[in-house]
Structure formats: C-alpha cells, structure tokens
Amino acid sequence: RSAIEREFGIDLKNCMHLVRLMNTGKEILTDGRMHVYRSDSDKLKRIRSGEAFKTEEWSFDKFVEFAKTEDEELEKLVETSGLPDNPDMRKIHDVVCEMILEFNKIKNESLVEKIIQKTLII
C-alpha cells in the first residue's frame, strides 16, 4: 500500500472506504436503509485500483473537496433525518438473539425464552 500511496499521493483504499461510508451514511439518513450491495461498486473499484486517479476523474484536491462537501451534506441530513436520536436497544437485542438462535438451530421455546431473559440488557 505504501507504494500505491507514493504513486498517487493518497491511500486509495482509505479513499474508497471514505466514499463508500459517506454514500452509505446518506442512504441511511435519507431512506433509513443501508444497501449492502453497492450500486456505486464500479466507481469504488475505480478509486481503489487508482484508475479514477489516472484518468483525472479524481485527484487529491478533488477528493479533499468531495470529503468536505459530503461532510457538510451529511451534517444537514442528520438535522433533518427522521431517524431517532438513540437506537431501540430492545429491538436490537431481540434481533441479535433471534439470529443466534436461528444460526444454532435452537427451536426449544423454553430454552429460547431462558436465553433471551439471561441476555436481556435492558
């Protein structure tokens, strides 16, 4: 990675992740969903490989400007988002317990209830 950073003057892997995280943040704040399969995967791959920097689609300065602009947009979205200020810990707990039980193929209802009660964090 250090050779790539010397060639492009920036860590391309970190660039790609920052773009992905900012785009994901915007999705969550606008429609309340996180899309695991990225519609922008080609763009992200071009950034990660350096192709976007070689074609001047991106440069260090463009990347810094992108990050500043996106950060400002995310701040505005946070203010207007309909998402709650705090997560629903009970719901998260229930989903995690359900996933663990399903993964381990536990079907015994009384055992399931005991596990849920013993791990209840609220």
C-alpha atoms as a PDB file:
ATOM      1  CA  ARG A   1       0.000   0.000   0.000  1.00  0.00           C
ATOM      2  CA  SER A   2       2.858   2.385   0.667  1.00  0.00           C
ATOM      3  CA  ALA A   3       3.981   2.092  -2.968  1.00  0.00           C
ATOM      4  CA  ILE A   4       0.479   2.953  -4.145  1.00  0.00           C
ATOM      5  CA  GLU A   5       0.367   5.898  -1.748  1.00  0.00           C
ATOM      6  CA  ARG A   6       3.695   7.168  -3.095  1.00  0.00           C
ATOM      7  CA  GLU A   7       2.428   6.815  -6.678  1.00  0.00           C
ATOM      8  CA  PHE A   8      -0.892   8.603  -6.129  1.00  0.00           C
ATOM      9  CA  GLY A   9      -0.094  10.756  -3.101  1.00  0.00           C
ATOM     10  CA  ILE A  10      -3.039   9.313  -1.194  1.00  0.00           C
ATOM     11  CA  ASP A  11      -4.123   5.981   0.294  1.00  0.00           C
ATOM     12  CA  LEU A  12      -6.569   4.666  -2.298  1.00  0.00           C
ATOM     13  CA  LYS A  13      -8.071   2.028  -0.015  1.00  0.00           C
ATOM     14  CA  ASN A  14      -8.939   4.679   2.553  1.00  0.00           C
ATOM     15  CA  CYS A  15     -10.337   6.904  -0.218  1.00  0.00           C
ATOM     16  CA  MET A  16     -12.606   4.123  -1.421  1.00  0.00           C
ATOM     17  CA  HIS A  17     -13.825   3.365   2.096  1.00  0.00           C
ATOM     18  CA  LEU A  18     -14.495   7.026   2.830  1.00  0.00           C
ATOM     19  CA  VAL A  19     -16.579   7.390  -0.342  1.00  0.00           C
ATOM     20  CA  ARG A  20     -18.470   4.175   0.484  1.00  0.00           C
ATOM     21  CA  LEU A  21     -19.116   5.218   4.077  1.00  0.00           C
ATOM     22  CA  MET A  22     -20.289   8.698   3.105  1.00  0.00           C
ATOM     23  CA  ASN A  23     -22.628   7.291   0.463  1.00  0.00           C
ATOM     24  CA  THR A  24     -23.932   4.701   2.918  1.00  0.00           C
ATOM     25  CA  GLY A  25     -24.475   7.395   5.538  1.00  0.00           C
ATOM     26  CA  LYS A  26     -26.513   9.444   3.074  1.00  0.00           C
ATOM     27  CA  GLU A  27     -28.652   6.391   2.244  1.00  0.00           C
ATOM     28  CA  ILE A  28     -29.319   5.684   5.916  1.00  0.00           C
ATOM     29  CA  LEU A  29     -30.182   9.302   6.661  1.00  0.00           C
ATOM     30  CA  THR A  30     -32.451   9.752   3.641  1.00  0.00           C
ATOM     31  CA  ASP A  31     -34.363   6.474   3.417  1.00  0.00           C
ATOM     32  CA  GLY A  32     -33.438   4.712   6.660  1.00  0.00           C
ATOM     33  CA  ARG A  33     -31.869   1.770   4.852  1.00  0.00           C
ATOM     34  CA  MET A  34     -28.352   0.532   4.311  1.00  0.00           C
ATOM     35  CA  HIS A  35     -27.716  -1.077   0.934  1.00  0.00           C
ATOM     36  CA  VAL A  36     -25.153  -3.848   1.248  1.00  0.00           C
ATOM     37  CA  TYR A  37     -24.915  -4.438  -2.494  1.00  0.00           C
ATOM     38  CA  ARG A  38     -23.466  -1.179  -3.732  1.00  0.00           C
ATOM     39  CA  SER A  39     -24.888   0.484  -6.829  1.00  0.00           C
ATOM     40  CA  ASP A  40     -21.682   2.531  -6.873  1.00  0.00           C
ATOM     41  CA  SER A  41     -19.377  -0.511  -6.805  1.00  0.00           C
ATOM     42  CA  ASP A  42     -17.799   0.285 -10.192  1.00  0.00           C
ATOM     43  CA  LYS A  43     -16.921   3.786  -9.009  1.00  0.00           C
ATOM     44  CA  LEU A  44     -15.490   2.396  -5.775  1.00  0.00           C
ATOM     45  CA  LYS A  45     -13.395  -0.157  -7.667  1.00  0.00           C
ATOM     46  CA  ARG A  46     -12.042   2.573  -9.950  1.00  0.00           C
ATOM     47  CA  ILE A  47     -10.992   4.595  -6.919  1.00  0.00           C
ATOM     48  CA  ARG A  48      -9.417   1.579  -5.165  1.00  0.00           C
ATOM     49  CA  SER A  49      -7.466   0.494  -8.252  1.00  0.00           C
ATOM     50  CA  GLY A  50      -6.224   4.025  -8.948  1.00  0.00           C
ATOM     51  CA  GLU A  51      -7.877   4.079 -12.369  1.00  0.00           C
ATOM     52  CA  ALA A  52     -10.049   7.052 -11.342  1.00  0.00           C
ATOM     53  CA  PHE A  53      -6.911   8.977 -10.365  1.00  0.00           C
ATOM     54  CA  LYS A  54      -5.040   8.054 -13.552  1.00  0.00           C
ATOM     55  CA  THR A  55      -7.891   9.350 -15.742  1.00  0.00           C
ATOM     56  CA  GLU A  56      -8.131  12.508 -13.615  1.00  0.00           C
ATOM     57  CA  GLU A  57     -11.706  11.660 -12.681  1.00  0.00           C
ATOM     58  CA  TRP A  58     -10.282  12.065  -9.161  1.00  0.00           C
ATOM     59  CA  SER A  59      -7.241  13.833  -7.770  1.00  0.00           C
ATOM     60  CA  PHE A  60      -6.035  14.541  -4.265  1.00  0.00           C
ATOM     61  CA  ASP A  61      -7.589  18.023  -4.359  1.00  0.00           C
ATOM     62  CA  LYS A  62     -10.879  16.738  -5.830  1.00  0.00           C
ATOM     63  CA  PHE A  63     -11.001  14.070  -3.169  1.00  0.00           C
ATOM     64  CA  VAL A  64     -10.461  16.566  -0.337  1.00  0.00           C
ATOM     65  CA  GLU A  65     -13.166  18.826  -1.790  1.00  0.00           C
ATOM     66  CA  PHE A  66     -15.530  15.846  -2.146  1.00  0.00           C
ATOM     67  CA  ALA A  67     -14.946  14.892   1.502  1.00  0.00           C
ATOM     68  CA  LYS A  68     -15.642  18.445   2.734  1.00  0.00           C
ATOM     69  CA  THR A  69     -18.790  18.818   0.632  1.00  0.00           C
ATOM     70  CA  GLU A  70     -20.140  15.397   1.609  1.00  0.00           C
ATOM     71  CA  ASP A  71     -19.402  16.051   5.284  1.00  0.00           C
ATOM     72  CA  GLU A  72     -21.427  19.274   5.149  1.00  0.00           C
ATOM     73  CA  GLU A  73     -24.275  17.468   3.378  1.00  0.00           C
ATOM     74  CA  LEU A  74     -24.250  14.683   5.970  1.00  0.00           C
ATOM     75  CA  GLU A  75     -24.426  17.254   8.776  1.00  0.00           C
ATOM     76  CA  LYS A  76     -27.531  18.784   7.180  1.00  0.00           C
ATOM     77  CA  LEU A  77     -29.097  15.350   6.689  1.00  0.00           C
ATOM     78  CA  VAL A  78     -28.518  14.491  10.361  1.00  0.00           C
ATOM     79  CA  GLU A  79     -30.508  17.583  11.352  1.00  0.00           C
ATOM     80  CA  THR A  80     -33.460  16.744   9.081  1.00  0.00           C
ATOM     81  CA  SER A  81     -33.426  12.971   9.367  1.00  0.00           C
ATOM     82  CA  GLY A  82     -36.472  11.208  10.715  1.00  0.00           C
ATOM     83  CA  LEU A  83     -34.256   8.679  12.477  1.00  0.00           C
ATOM     84  CA  PRO A  84     -34.419   8.606  16.280  1.00  0.00           C
ATOM     85  CA  ASP A  85     -31.580  10.095  18.306  1.00  0.00           C
ATOM     86  CA  ASN A  86     -30.955   6.752  20.018  1.00  0.00           C
ATOM     87  CA  PRO A  87     -31.215   3.153  18.819  1.00  0.00           C
ATOM     88  CA  ASP A  88     -34.004   0.865  20.023  1.00  0.00           C
ATOM     89  CA  MET A  89     -31.794  -1.379  22.159  1.00  0.00           C
ATOM     90  CA  ARG A  90     -34.611  -3.808  22.951  1.00  0.00           C
ATOM     91  CA  LYS A  91     -35.268  -4.374  19.265  1.00  0.00           C
ATOM     92  CA  ILE A  92     -31.552  -4.790  18.539  1.00  0.00           C
ATOM     93  CA  HIS A  93     -31.266  -7.277  21.391  1.00  0.00           C
ATOM     94  CA  ASP A  94     -34.238  -9.290  20.110  1.00  0.00           C
ATOM     95  CA  VAL A  95     -32.902  -9.380  16.549  1.00  0.00           C
ATOM     96  CA  VAL A  96     -29.426 -10.471  17.672  1.00  0.00           C
ATOM     97  CA  CYS A  97     -30.853 -13.198  19.931  1.00  0.00           C
ATOM     98  CA  GLU A  98     -33.099 -14.413  17.127  1.00  0.00           C
ATOM     99  CA  MET A  99     -30.155 -14.555  14.717  1.00  0.00           C
ATOM    100  CA  ILE A 100     -28.007 -16.501  17.204  1.00  0.00           C
ATOM    101  CA  LEU A 101     -30.788 -18.948  17.918  1.00  0.00           C
ATOM    102  CA  GLU A 102     -31.563 -19.432  14.240  1.00  0.00           C
ATOM    103  CA  PHE A 103     -27.890 -19.884  13.369  1.00  0.00           C
ATOM    104  CA  ASN A 104     -27.530 -22.533  16.068  1.00  0.00           C
ATOM    105  CA  LYS A 105     -30.847 -24.113  15.059  1.00  0.00           C
ATOM    106  CA  ILE A 106     -32.280 -23.824  18.574  1.00  0.00           C
ATOM    107  CA  LYS A 107     -36.004 -24.487  18.467  1.00  0.00           C
ATOM    108  CA  ASN A 108     -36.849 -25.287  22.107  1.00  0.00           C
ATOM    109  CA  GLU A 109     -39.171 -22.420  23.105  1.00  0.00           C
ATOM    110  CA  SER A 110     -38.447 -22.618  26.855  1.00  0.00           C
ATOM    111  CA  LEU A 111     -34.701 -22.599  26.184  1.00  0.00           C
ATOM    112  CA  VAL A 112     -35.130 -19.675  23.812  1.00  0.00           C
ATOM    113  CA  GLU A 113     -37.023 -17.743  26.494  1.00  0.00           C
ATOM    114  CA  LYS A 114     -34.328 -18.509  29.113  1.00  0.00           C
ATOM    115  CA  ILE A 115     -31.594 -17.317  26.765  1.00  0.00           C
ATOM    116  CA  ILE A 116     -33.459 -14.136  25.963  1.00  0.00           C
ATOM    117  CA  GLN A 117     -34.096 -13.401  29.664  1.00  0.00           C
ATOM    118  CA  LYS A 118     -30.499 -14.131  30.692  1.00  0.00           C
ATOM    119  CA  THR A 119     -29.054 -11.927  27.971  1.00  0.00           C
ATOM    120  CA  LEU A 120     -31.539  -9.096  28.299  1.00  0.00           C
ATOM    121  CA  ILE A 121     -29.523  -5.935  28.692  1.00  0.00           C
ATOM    122  CA  ILE A 122     -32.389  -3.540  29.310  1.00  0.00           C
END
